[in-house]
Amino acid sequence: MAKVCIVGCGAMGSVYAGLMAAAGHEVHAVTPWQGHVDAINAHGLHVSGYSGDRVVRLASAATTVEGIGPCDVVIIATKAFDVEAAARSVGPLMGADTVVQTIQNGVGSPDIVARHVDPSHLAVGVVGGYGASIRESGHAHHNGLAVTWFGAYAGLPRRSLEASAEVWRSSGFDVALHDDVASMVWKKVIMNVAYSGTAGLTELTIGQIINHPYAWEVASGCSREAVAVAQALGVDLGLPDPIAHVRALGGKIPDARPSMLLDLQAGRRCEVDAINGAIVRLGRELGVPTPVNDVVVALIRAKESLQVSSDG
């Protein structure tokens, strides 16, 4: 069994932690949410939904990496805007053969992690179709496990990539390894941009977005712009119909509410800059028009600022 530390053990990270611990791995959770830490330590981690219903004990849960020591696998599962702080913190978790897997929405996070972690230890992860949320402190729920993909960032030996993937496979995840990391990442990006901003604005589930003609017009418009940006970057998505792919993948988790919506509803900072905002930024750099994403980003930022004002 492997020793695993999940840095950023929120909704998604808690699903990873719960299934890995249930499979017998030594799992350590690090999260800034003290209430979540307290609940896990007092009652165990409750994971419910697609994978079943279970309560598991973790090796530890804390707000820092102190005392954990070197691990076989370190999973950085923070939001994109917290990834640099997380990457800075993982030094004490590193051993000679440690693999660091960074799993974030949007684009750019692996490059940030690589400033602080030797790229020969780094894997890029993409997950999708989970629909994870925190029901209450200590309890994560998820609606699926559609996509769990990994690829080497730069120089990670294949045997190390395979060994780290086996930790996931042994825990019930269906894992695929990809040589074309850019294509792997952008397959997820075109889905993120479709549903994240649209859900954040409309407060609809993914299934409701797909079935609502006006909401789907916005979602598919965001995705088409992302496809155009990917093409301008020279990324081969390998999809005959990218929008059909986005619709089909979303249809597997119709009841899911994207994390951007959950963050906005909770008054937390959301990842719009790393998702829809990244399409806007790259579109400007590449000369690709992104009018739908432009409007979505502006409205999400307005919504965030109004929440801050009302809270104040």
Protein backbone atom coordinates (compact mmCIF):
# COMPACT_ATOMS: atom_id res chain seq x y z
CA MET A 1 0.00 0.00 0.00
CA ALA A 2 1.10 3.57 -0.67
CA LYS A 3 1.56 6.58 1.57
CA VAL A 4 -0.46 9.44 0.07
CA CYS A 5 -0.89 13.07 1.06
CA ILE A 6 -3.70 15.13 -0.43
CA VAL A 7 -2.95 18.83 -0.21
CA GLY A 8 -6.21 20.70 -0.69
CA CYS A 9 -8.62 18.11 0.66
CA GLY A 10 -11.89 19.85 -0.20
CA ALA A 11 -14.76 18.23 -2.10
CA MET A 12 -12.72 16.54 -4.83
CA GLY A 13 -9.77 15.79 -2.58
CA SER A 14 -12.06 14.19 -0.03
CA VAL A 15 -13.43 11.81 -2.66
CA TYR A 16 -9.87 10.83 -3.54
CA ALA A 17 -8.97 10.44 0.14
CA GLY A 18 -12.04 8.40 1.02
CA LEU A 19 -11.65 5.86 -1.77
CA MET A 20 -7.89 5.53 -1.30
CA ALA A 21 -8.20 5.04 2.45
CA ALA A 22 -10.98 2.49 1.91
CA ALA A 23 -8.58 0.57 -0.36
CA GLY A 24 -6.03 0.38 2.46
CA HIS A 25 -3.65 3.19 1.53
CA GLU A 26 -2.15 5.41 4.22
CA VAL A 27 -3.86 8.72 3.46
CA HIS A 28 -3.06 12.10 4.99
CA ALA A 29 -5.39 15.05 4.34
CA VAL A 30 -4.33 18.71 4.43
CA THR A 31 -6.99 21.41 4.16
CA PRO A 32 -7.32 24.96 5.49
CA TRP A 33 -10.90 24.23 6.62
CA GLN A 34 -10.52 23.64 10.36
CA GLY A 35 -14.12 22.45 10.67
CA HIS A 36 -13.51 19.78 8.03
CA VAL A 37 -10.33 18.67 9.81
CA ASP A 38 -12.10 18.48 13.16
CA ALA A 39 -15.00 16.47 11.75
CA ILE A 40 -12.69 13.99 9.97
CA ASN A 41 -10.59 13.47 13.08
CA ALA A 42 -13.63 13.09 15.33
CA HIS A 43 -15.89 10.93 13.19
CA GLY A 44 -13.93 9.80 10.11
CA LEU A 45 -14.36 10.95 6.51
CA HIS A 46 -17.81 10.25 5.08
CA VAL A 47 -17.95 9.80 1.28
CA SER A 48 -21.28 9.16 -0.39
CA GLY A 49 -22.72 9.04 -3.89
CA TYR A 50 -21.67 7.21 -7.02
CA SER A 51 -19.02 5.05 -5.33
CA GLY A 52 -21.31 4.03 -2.47
CA ASP A 53 -21.58 5.20 1.11
CA ARG A 54 -18.65 4.80 3.48
CA VAL A 55 -16.96 6.32 6.50
CA VAL A 56 -13.21 5.83 6.66
CA ARG A 57 -10.45 6.76 9.06
CA LEU A 58 -7.51 8.67 7.59
CA ALA A 59 -3.95 8.43 8.85
CA SER A 60 -4.18 12.14 9.66
CA ALA A 61 -6.09 15.30 8.84
CA ALA A 62 -4.60 18.72 9.53
CA THR A 63 -4.21 22.25 8.23
CA THR A 64 -0.48 21.85 7.51
CA VAL A 65 1.91 19.17 6.26
CA GLU A 66 3.86 19.21 9.52
CA GLY A 67 4.76 15.76 10.83
CA ILE A 68 3.60 13.76 7.79
CA GLY A 69 7.02 13.06 6.28
CA PRO A 70 7.96 11.77 2.82
CA CYS A 71 5.15 10.20 0.78
CA ASP A 72 4.91 7.97 -2.26
CA VAL A 73 2.31 10.22 -3.88
CA VAL A 74 1.43 13.84 -3.17
CA ILE A 75 -1.80 15.08 -4.75
CA ILE A 76 -2.20 18.85 -5.04
CA ALA A 77 -5.96 19.25 -5.27
CA THR A 78 -6.34 22.91 -4.36
CA LYS A 79 -8.19 25.56 -6.33
CA ALA A 80 -6.05 27.12 -9.06
CA PHE A 81 -5.49 30.32 -7.09
CA ASP A 82 -4.07 28.37 -4.13
CA VAL A 83 -1.79 26.10 -6.12
CA GLU A 84 1.40 28.13 -5.67
CA ALA A 85 1.11 28.16 -1.88
CA ALA A 86 0.41 24.43 -1.95
CA ALA A 87 3.42 23.75 -4.18
CA ARG A 88 5.65 25.72 -1.82
CA SER A 89 4.46 23.61 1.11
CA VAL A 90 5.19 20.12 -0.23
CA GLY A 91 8.95 20.07 0.34
CA PRO A 92 8.73 18.06 3.60
CA LEU A 93 6.58 15.47 1.79
CA MET A 94 9.19 14.78 -0.89
CA GLY A 95 11.36 11.68 -1.02
CA ALA A 96 13.67 10.36 -3.71
CA ASP A 97 10.81 8.67 -5.60
CA THR A 98 7.83 10.83 -4.65
CA VAL A 99 5.41 11.63 -7.47
CA VAL A 100 3.52 14.92 -7.20
CA GLN A 101 0.22 14.95 -9.08
CA THR A 102 -1.31 18.38 -9.63
CA ILE A 103 -5.02 18.38 -10.46
CA GLN A 104 -6.73 21.72 -11.09
CA ASN A 105 -9.39 23.18 -13.34
CA GLY A 106 -8.35 25.44 -16.19
CA VAL A 107 -4.87 26.02 -17.56
CA GLY A 108 -1.51 27.08 -16.13
CA SER A 109 -1.33 25.34 -12.75
CA PRO A 110 1.30 22.71 -13.66
CA ASP A 111 3.69 25.47 -14.76
CA ILE A 112 3.26 27.14 -11.38
CA VAL A 113 3.89 23.88 -9.50
CA ALA A 114 7.00 23.24 -11.60
CA ARG A 115 8.59 26.39 -10.16
CA HIS A 116 8.68 24.69 -6.76
CA VAL A 117 8.74 20.95 -7.53
CA ASP A 118 11.37 19.21 -9.65
CA PRO A 119 9.58 18.60 -12.98
CA SER A 120 10.99 15.06 -13.06
CA HIS A 121 8.70 14.31 -10.09
CA LEU A 122 5.62 15.99 -11.54
CA ALA A 123 2.50 14.53 -13.16
CA VAL A 124 -0.46 16.48 -14.52
CA GLY A 125 -3.90 15.19 -13.68
CA VAL A 126 -7.31 15.78 -15.22
CA VAL A 127 -10.52 14.61 -13.59
CA GLY A 128 -14.06 15.13 -14.78
CA GLY A 129 -17.59 13.99 -14.27
CA TYR A 130 -17.23 13.79 -10.48
CA GLY A 131 -19.75 16.46 -9.48
CA ALA A 132 -18.26 16.58 -5.98
CA SER A 133 -19.49 18.75 -3.13
CA ILE A 134 -19.11 19.05 0.63
CA ARG A 135 -22.49 18.28 2.20
CA GLU A 136 -21.20 19.25 5.63
CA SER A 137 -17.84 19.21 7.38
CA GLY A 138 -16.45 15.71 7.14
CA HIS A 139 -18.89 14.61 4.41
CA ALA A 140 -18.15 14.68 0.67
CA HIS A 141 -20.66 13.57 -1.97
CA HIS A 142 -20.03 12.88 -5.63
CA ASN A 143 -22.19 12.10 -8.67
CA GLY A 144 -19.71 10.18 -10.83
CA LEU A 145 -16.12 9.23 -11.72
CA ALA A 146 -16.14 9.76 -15.46
CA VAL A 147 -12.57 10.90 -16.19
CA THR A 148 -9.30 10.30 -14.32
CA TRP A 149 -6.32 10.99 -16.57
CA PHE A 150 -2.61 11.55 -15.94
CA GLY A 151 0.44 12.47 -17.98
CA ALA A 152 4.07 13.31 -17.22
CA TYR A 153 4.80 17.03 -17.00
CA ALA A 154 8.46 16.86 -18.06
CA GLY A 155 10.91 14.07 -17.35
CA LEU A 156 8.84 11.95 -14.97
CA PRO A 157 9.86 8.33 -15.69
CA ARG A 158 7.10 6.14 -17.11
CA ARG A 159 7.53 3.61 -14.31
CA SER A 160 6.89 6.37 -11.74
CA LEU A 161 3.83 7.60 -13.64
CA GLU A 162 2.50 4.04 -13.79
CA ALA A 163 3.17 3.42 -10.11
CA SER A 164 1.33 6.58 -9.06
CA ALA A 165 -1.59 5.71 -11.35
CA GLU A 166 -1.82 2.27 -9.76
CA VAL A 167 -2.64 3.90 -6.41
CA TRP A 168 -5.78 5.30 -8.05
CA ARG A 169 -6.66 2.12 -9.93
CA SER A 170 -6.39 0.05 -6.76
CA SER A 171 -8.84 2.48 -5.16
CA GLY A 172 -11.56 2.01 -7.77
CA PHE A 173 -10.71 4.77 -10.25
CA ASP A 174 -10.61 4.03 -13.98
CA VAL A 175 -7.31 5.70 -14.94
CA ALA A 176 -5.93 6.47 -18.40
CA LEU A 177 -2.40 7.69 -19.07
CA HIS A 178 -1.75 10.17 -21.87
CA ASP A 179 1.41 11.13 -23.70
CA ASP A 180 -0.10 14.32 -25.17
CA VAL A 181 -0.64 16.30 -21.98
CA ALA A 182 -1.84 19.45 -23.74
CA SER A 183 -4.59 17.53 -25.51
CA MET A 184 -5.53 15.82 -22.25
CA VAL A 185 -5.82 19.12 -20.39
CA TRP A 186 -7.76 20.92 -23.11
CA LYS A 187 -10.34 18.14 -23.41
CA LYS A 188 -11.29 19.03 -19.83
CA VAL A 189 -10.95 22.80 -20.36
CA ILE A 190 -13.57 22.86 -23.11
CA MET A 191 -15.99 21.20 -20.67
CA ASN A 192 -15.05 23.44 -17.73
CA VAL A 193 -15.70 26.63 -19.68
CA ALA A 194 -19.06 25.36 -20.90
CA TYR A 195 -20.58 24.59 -17.52
CA SER A 196 -18.65 26.54 -14.88
CA GLY A 197 -19.45 30.13 -15.80
CA THR A 198 -22.91 29.28 -17.11
CA ALA A 199 -23.86 27.52 -13.88
CA GLY A 200 -22.34 30.30 -11.80
CA LEU A 201 -24.61 32.81 -13.50
CA THR A 202 -27.81 30.80 -13.89
CA GLU A 203 -27.55 28.56 -10.79
CA LEU A 204 -28.66 25.62 -12.93
CA THR A 205 -27.33 22.07 -12.71
CA ILE A 206 -25.36 20.67 -15.63
CA GLY A 207 -28.38 18.72 -16.84
CA GLN A 208 -30.58 21.81 -16.66
CA ILE A 209 -28.02 23.78 -18.68
CA ILE A 210 -27.96 21.10 -21.38
CA ASN A 211 -31.75 21.03 -21.58
CA HIS A 212 -32.36 24.80 -21.47
CA PRO A 213 -31.95 26.28 -24.97
CA TYR A 214 -30.73 29.69 -23.86
CA ALA A 215 -28.39 28.34 -21.17
CA TRP A 216 -26.99 25.80 -23.62
CA GLU A 217 -26.43 28.57 -26.16
CA VAL A 218 -24.16 30.31 -23.65
CA ALA A 219 -22.45 27.10 -22.52
CA SER A 220 -21.77 25.82 -26.03
CA GLY A 221 -20.64 29.30 -27.12
CA CYS A 222 -18.05 29.36 -24.32
CA SER A 223 -16.86 25.91 -25.35
CA ARG A 224 -16.61 26.76 -29.06
CA GLU A 225 -14.38 29.70 -28.20
CA ALA A 226 -12.19 27.44 -26.07
CA VAL A 227 -11.90 25.00 -28.98
CA ALA A 228 -10.83 27.87 -31.23
CA VAL A 229 -8.16 28.93 -28.71
CA ALA A 230 -6.91 25.35 -28.43
CA GLN A 231 -6.65 25.14 -32.21
CA ALA A 232 -4.73 28.42 -32.32
CA LEU A 233 -2.30 26.95 -29.79
CA GLY A 234 -1.80 23.92 -32.02
CA VAL A 235 -3.51 21.52 -29.61
CA ASP A 236 -4.94 18.39 -31.22
CA LEU A 237 -8.07 17.58 -29.25
CA GLY A 238 -8.57 14.34 -31.16
CA LEU A 239 -12.35 14.83 -31.01
CA PRO A 240 -14.44 14.71 -34.21
CA ASP A 241 -17.12 16.87 -32.57
CA PRO A 242 -15.83 18.65 -29.43
CA ILE A 243 -19.21 20.16 -28.53
CA ALA A 244 -20.92 16.77 -28.73
CA HIS A 245 -18.18 15.47 -26.42
CA VAL A 246 -18.88 18.27 -23.93
CA ARG A 247 -22.62 17.60 -24.04
CA ALA A 248 -22.19 13.84 -23.66
CA LEU A 249 -19.79 14.11 -20.73
CA GLY A 250 -22.02 16.62 -18.98
CA GLY A 251 -25.00 14.34 -19.55
CA LYS A 252 -23.37 11.72 -17.35
CA ILE A 253 -23.70 13.98 -14.28
CA PRO A 254 -26.94 15.93 -14.87
CA ASP A 255 -27.51 16.69 -11.20
CA ALA A 256 -24.03 18.10 -10.60
CA ARG A 257 -23.45 21.72 -9.69
CA PRO A 258 -20.01 22.94 -10.85
CA SER A 259 -17.63 24.16 -8.19
CA MET A 260 -17.85 27.72 -9.52
CA LEU A 261 -21.55 27.78 -8.65
CA LEU A 262 -20.96 26.21 -5.23
CA ASP A 263 -18.22 28.75 -4.46
CA LEU A 264 -20.38 31.69 -5.49
CA GLN A 265 -23.32 30.41 -3.44
CA ALA A 266 -21.04 30.05 -0.42
CA GLY A 267 -19.55 33.52 -0.88
CA ARG A 268 -16.12 32.07 -1.64
CA ARG A 269 -13.68 33.17 -4.31
CA CYS A 270 -14.23 31.18 -7.51
CA GLU A 271 -11.87 29.99 -10.27
CA VAL A 272 -13.21 32.12 -13.11
CA ASP A 273 -9.74 33.51 -13.91
CA ALA A 274 -8.31 30.01 -14.47
CA ILE A 275 -11.29 28.75 -16.49
CA ASN A 276 -13.37 31.18 -18.58
CA GLY A 277 -10.91 33.96 -17.83
CA ALA A 278 -8.05 31.91 -19.26
CA ILE A 279 -9.92 31.66 -22.57
CA VAL A 280 -10.35 35.43 -22.62
CA ARG A 281 -6.67 36.03 -21.81
CA LEU A 282 -5.33 33.53 -24.32
CA GLY A 283 -7.81 34.66 -26.95
CA ARG A 284 -6.46 38.20 -26.72
CA GLU A 285 -2.88 36.97 -26.97
CA LEU A 286 -3.66 34.80 -30.00
CA GLY A 287 -6.10 37.10 -31.78
CA VAL A 288 -9.04 34.73 -31.25
CA PRO A 289 -12.36 36.48 -30.50
CA THR A 290 -14.02 35.31 -27.27
CA PRO A 291 -17.18 37.44 -26.93
CA VAL A 292 -19.25 34.89 -25.01
CA ASN A 293 -16.53 34.21 -22.46
CA ASP A 294 -15.86 37.97 -22.22
CA VAL A 295 -19.43 38.56 -21.05
CA VAL A 296 -19.53 35.51 -18.76
CA VAL A 297 -16.30 36.54 -17.02
CA ALA A 298 -17.47 40.13 -16.57
CA LEU A 299 -20.78 38.99 -15.07
CA ILE A 300 -19.13 36.46 -12.75
CA ARG A 301 -16.75 39.15 -11.50
CA ALA A 302 -19.68 41.50 -10.99
CA LYS A 303 -21.51 38.80 -9.03
CA GLU A 304 -18.44 38.19 -6.86
CA SER A 305 -17.97 41.91 -6.17
CA LEU A 306 -21.63 42.35 -5.25
CA GLN A 307 -21.35 39.47 -2.79
CA VAL A 308 -18.28 41.04 -1.19
CA SER A 309 -20.09 44.38 -0.95
CA SER A 310 -23.17 42.83 0.61
CA ASP A 311 -21.05 40.84 3.07
CA GLY A 312 -19.27 44.01 4.07
